[in-house]
Amino acid sequence: QVQLEESGGGMVQPGGSLSLSCAASGNIFSTVNMGWYRQAPGKQRELVATRTSGGLTTYGLSVKGRSTISRDNAKHTVYLQITSLEPEDTAVYYCYAYINHLDTKIPAREYWGQGTQVTVSS
């Protein structure tokens, strides 16, 4: 019932910055929580940052202090900017959303984007 459209990602040099965005569309009453997780090969998926519709933010330890998450509730879109990127930031980044549906008979649930590759390399 809900689709997550991710944009951004790609190749960036060490020390550079990257901006990602994710827009949710479909049967949405509210996007209770939205944000980004990432997963590197052989690693578990880890939190990057999330932001609730009420403005509560959570940052993963690895990016705390060099990342900023924001959102446009009207557009159901979340934005992420990470600075001072290093090779260790290389991973597939997945958009995450927890959705309350416009159709109240559909229980709230989480959705995941397809993922976008971020590669930090010279």
Protein backbone atom coordinates (compact mmCIF):
# COMPACT_ATOMS: atom_id res chain seq x y z
CA GLN A 1 0.00 0.00 0.00
CA VAL A 2 3.00 2.30 0.44
CA GLN A 3 6.02 2.86 -1.75
CA LEU A 4 9.32 4.41 -0.72
CA GLU A 5 11.21 6.23 -3.44
CA GLU A 6 14.86 6.77 -2.63
CA SER A 7 17.16 9.22 -4.35
CA GLY A 8 20.76 10.17 -3.96
CA GLY A 9 23.63 7.87 -3.31
CA GLY A 10 26.57 7.17 -5.53
CA MET A 11 30.30 7.72 -5.38
CA VAL A 12 31.83 10.34 -3.13
CA GLN A 13 35.42 11.12 -2.18
CA PRO A 14 36.63 10.79 1.40
CA GLY A 15 35.88 13.93 3.34
CA GLY A 16 32.97 14.77 1.11
CA SER A 17 29.29 15.06 1.84
CA LEU A 18 26.22 13.26 0.62
CA SER A 19 22.52 14.00 0.63
CA LEU A 20 19.80 11.38 0.45
CA SER A 21 16.07 11.71 0.24
CA CYS A 22 13.15 9.34 0.52
CA ALA A 23 9.54 10.02 -0.33
CA ALA A 24 6.69 7.83 0.82
CA SER A 25 3.51 7.60 -1.21
CA GLY A 26 0.34 5.58 -1.20
CA ASN A 27 -2.22 4.82 1.45
CA ILE A 28 -0.74 7.07 4.12
CA PHE A 29 -2.43 8.75 7.03
CA SER A 30 0.79 9.61 8.80
CA THR A 31 4.46 8.70 8.62
CA VAL A 32 5.02 8.03 12.27
CA ASN A 33 8.74 7.52 11.84
CA MET A 34 11.04 7.81 8.85
CA GLY A 35 14.74 7.59 8.33
CA TRP A 36 17.69 5.62 7.09
CA TYR A 37 19.53 2.45 7.94
CA ARG A 38 22.60 1.07 6.23
CA GLN A 39 24.21 -2.29 5.69
CA ALA A 40 27.72 -3.08 4.58
CA PRO A 41 28.72 -6.51 3.24
CA GLY A 42 29.06 -8.97 6.08
CA LYS A 43 27.63 -6.51 8.57
CA GLN A 44 24.29 -6.18 10.27
CA ARG A 45 21.96 -3.43 9.26
CA GLU A 46 22.50 -0.44 11.51
CA LEU A 47 20.69 2.76 12.29
CA VAL A 48 21.84 5.92 10.58
CA ALA A 49 19.11 8.34 11.61
CA THR A 50 15.36 8.53 12.05
CA ARG A 51 12.93 11.31 12.73
CA THR A 52 9.36 11.02 13.96
CA SER A 53 6.50 13.14 12.72
CA GLY A 54 6.69 14.96 16.04
CA GLY A 55 10.32 15.88 15.51
CA LEU A 56 12.09 13.36 17.72
CA THR A 57 15.42 12.35 16.19
CA THR A 58 17.69 9.41 16.74
CA TYR A 59 21.20 9.13 15.31
CA GLY A 60 23.39 6.10 15.05
CA LEU A 61 26.65 6.23 16.95
CA SER A 62 28.73 5.98 13.78
CA VAL A 63 27.27 9.14 12.26
CA LYS A 64 26.39 11.16 15.32
CA GLY A 65 27.79 14.66 15.03
CA ARG A 66 28.20 14.61 11.27
CA SER A 67 24.72 13.85 10.03
CA THR A 68 21.48 15.75 9.91
CA ILE A 69 18.03 14.37 9.28
CA SER A 70 15.02 16.46 8.42
CA ARG A 71 11.60 15.86 6.96
CA ASP A 72 8.67 17.43 5.25
CA ASN A 73 5.58 15.85 6.77
CA ALA A 74 3.31 17.28 4.10
CA LYS A 75 5.35 15.57 1.40
CA HIS A 76 6.03 12.45 3.47
CA THR A 77 9.68 12.95 2.66
CA VAL A 78 12.78 12.54 4.78
CA TYR A 79 16.19 14.01 4.02
CA LEU A 80 19.59 12.95 5.26
CA GLN A 81 22.92 14.71 4.93
CA ILE A 82 26.18 13.13 6.03
CA THR A 83 29.44 15.02 6.09
CA SER A 84 33.08 13.98 6.47
CA LEU A 85 32.45 10.70 4.72
CA GLU A 86 35.05 7.97 5.00
CA PRO A 87 35.39 4.54 3.38
CA GLU A 88 33.78 3.01 6.46
CA ASP A 89 30.56 4.76 5.46
CA THR A 90 30.37 2.65 2.31
CA ALA A 91 27.16 0.64 2.45
CA VAL A 92 23.74 0.19 0.97
CA TYR A 93 21.48 2.76 2.55
CA TYR A 94 17.84 1.82 3.06
CA CYS A 95 14.95 4.16 3.64
CA TYR A 96 12.69 3.17 6.50
CA ALA A 97 9.18 4.27 7.33
CA TYR A 98 6.59 3.26 9.88
CA ILE A 99 3.19 4.10 8.48
CA ASN A 100 -0.30 4.62 9.81
CA HIS A 101 -2.59 4.02 6.86
CA LEU A 102 -5.44 6.13 5.59
CA ASP A 103 -7.47 2.93 5.51
CA THR A 104 -7.91 2.30 9.21
CA LYS A 105 -8.53 -1.40 8.62
CA ILE A 106 -4.92 -1.80 7.56
CA PRO A 107 -2.69 -2.06 10.62
CA ALA A 108 0.34 0.14 10.94
CA ARG A 109 3.53 -1.42 9.71
CA GLU A 110 7.05 -0.71 8.58
CA TYR A 111 8.23 -0.32 5.00
CA TRP A 112 11.67 -0.50 3.47
CA GLY A 113 13.08 1.02 0.34
CA GLN A 114 15.07 -0.94 -2.22
CA GLY A 115 18.33 0.57 -1.03
CA THR A 116 20.82 2.90 -2.64
CA GLN A 117 24.54 2.26 -2.82
CA VAL A 118 26.87 4.79 -1.24
CA THR A 119 30.54 4.28 -1.98
CA VAL A 120 33.22 6.44 -0.39
CA SER A 121 36.45 6.07 -2.32
CA SER A 122 39.16 8.05 -4.06
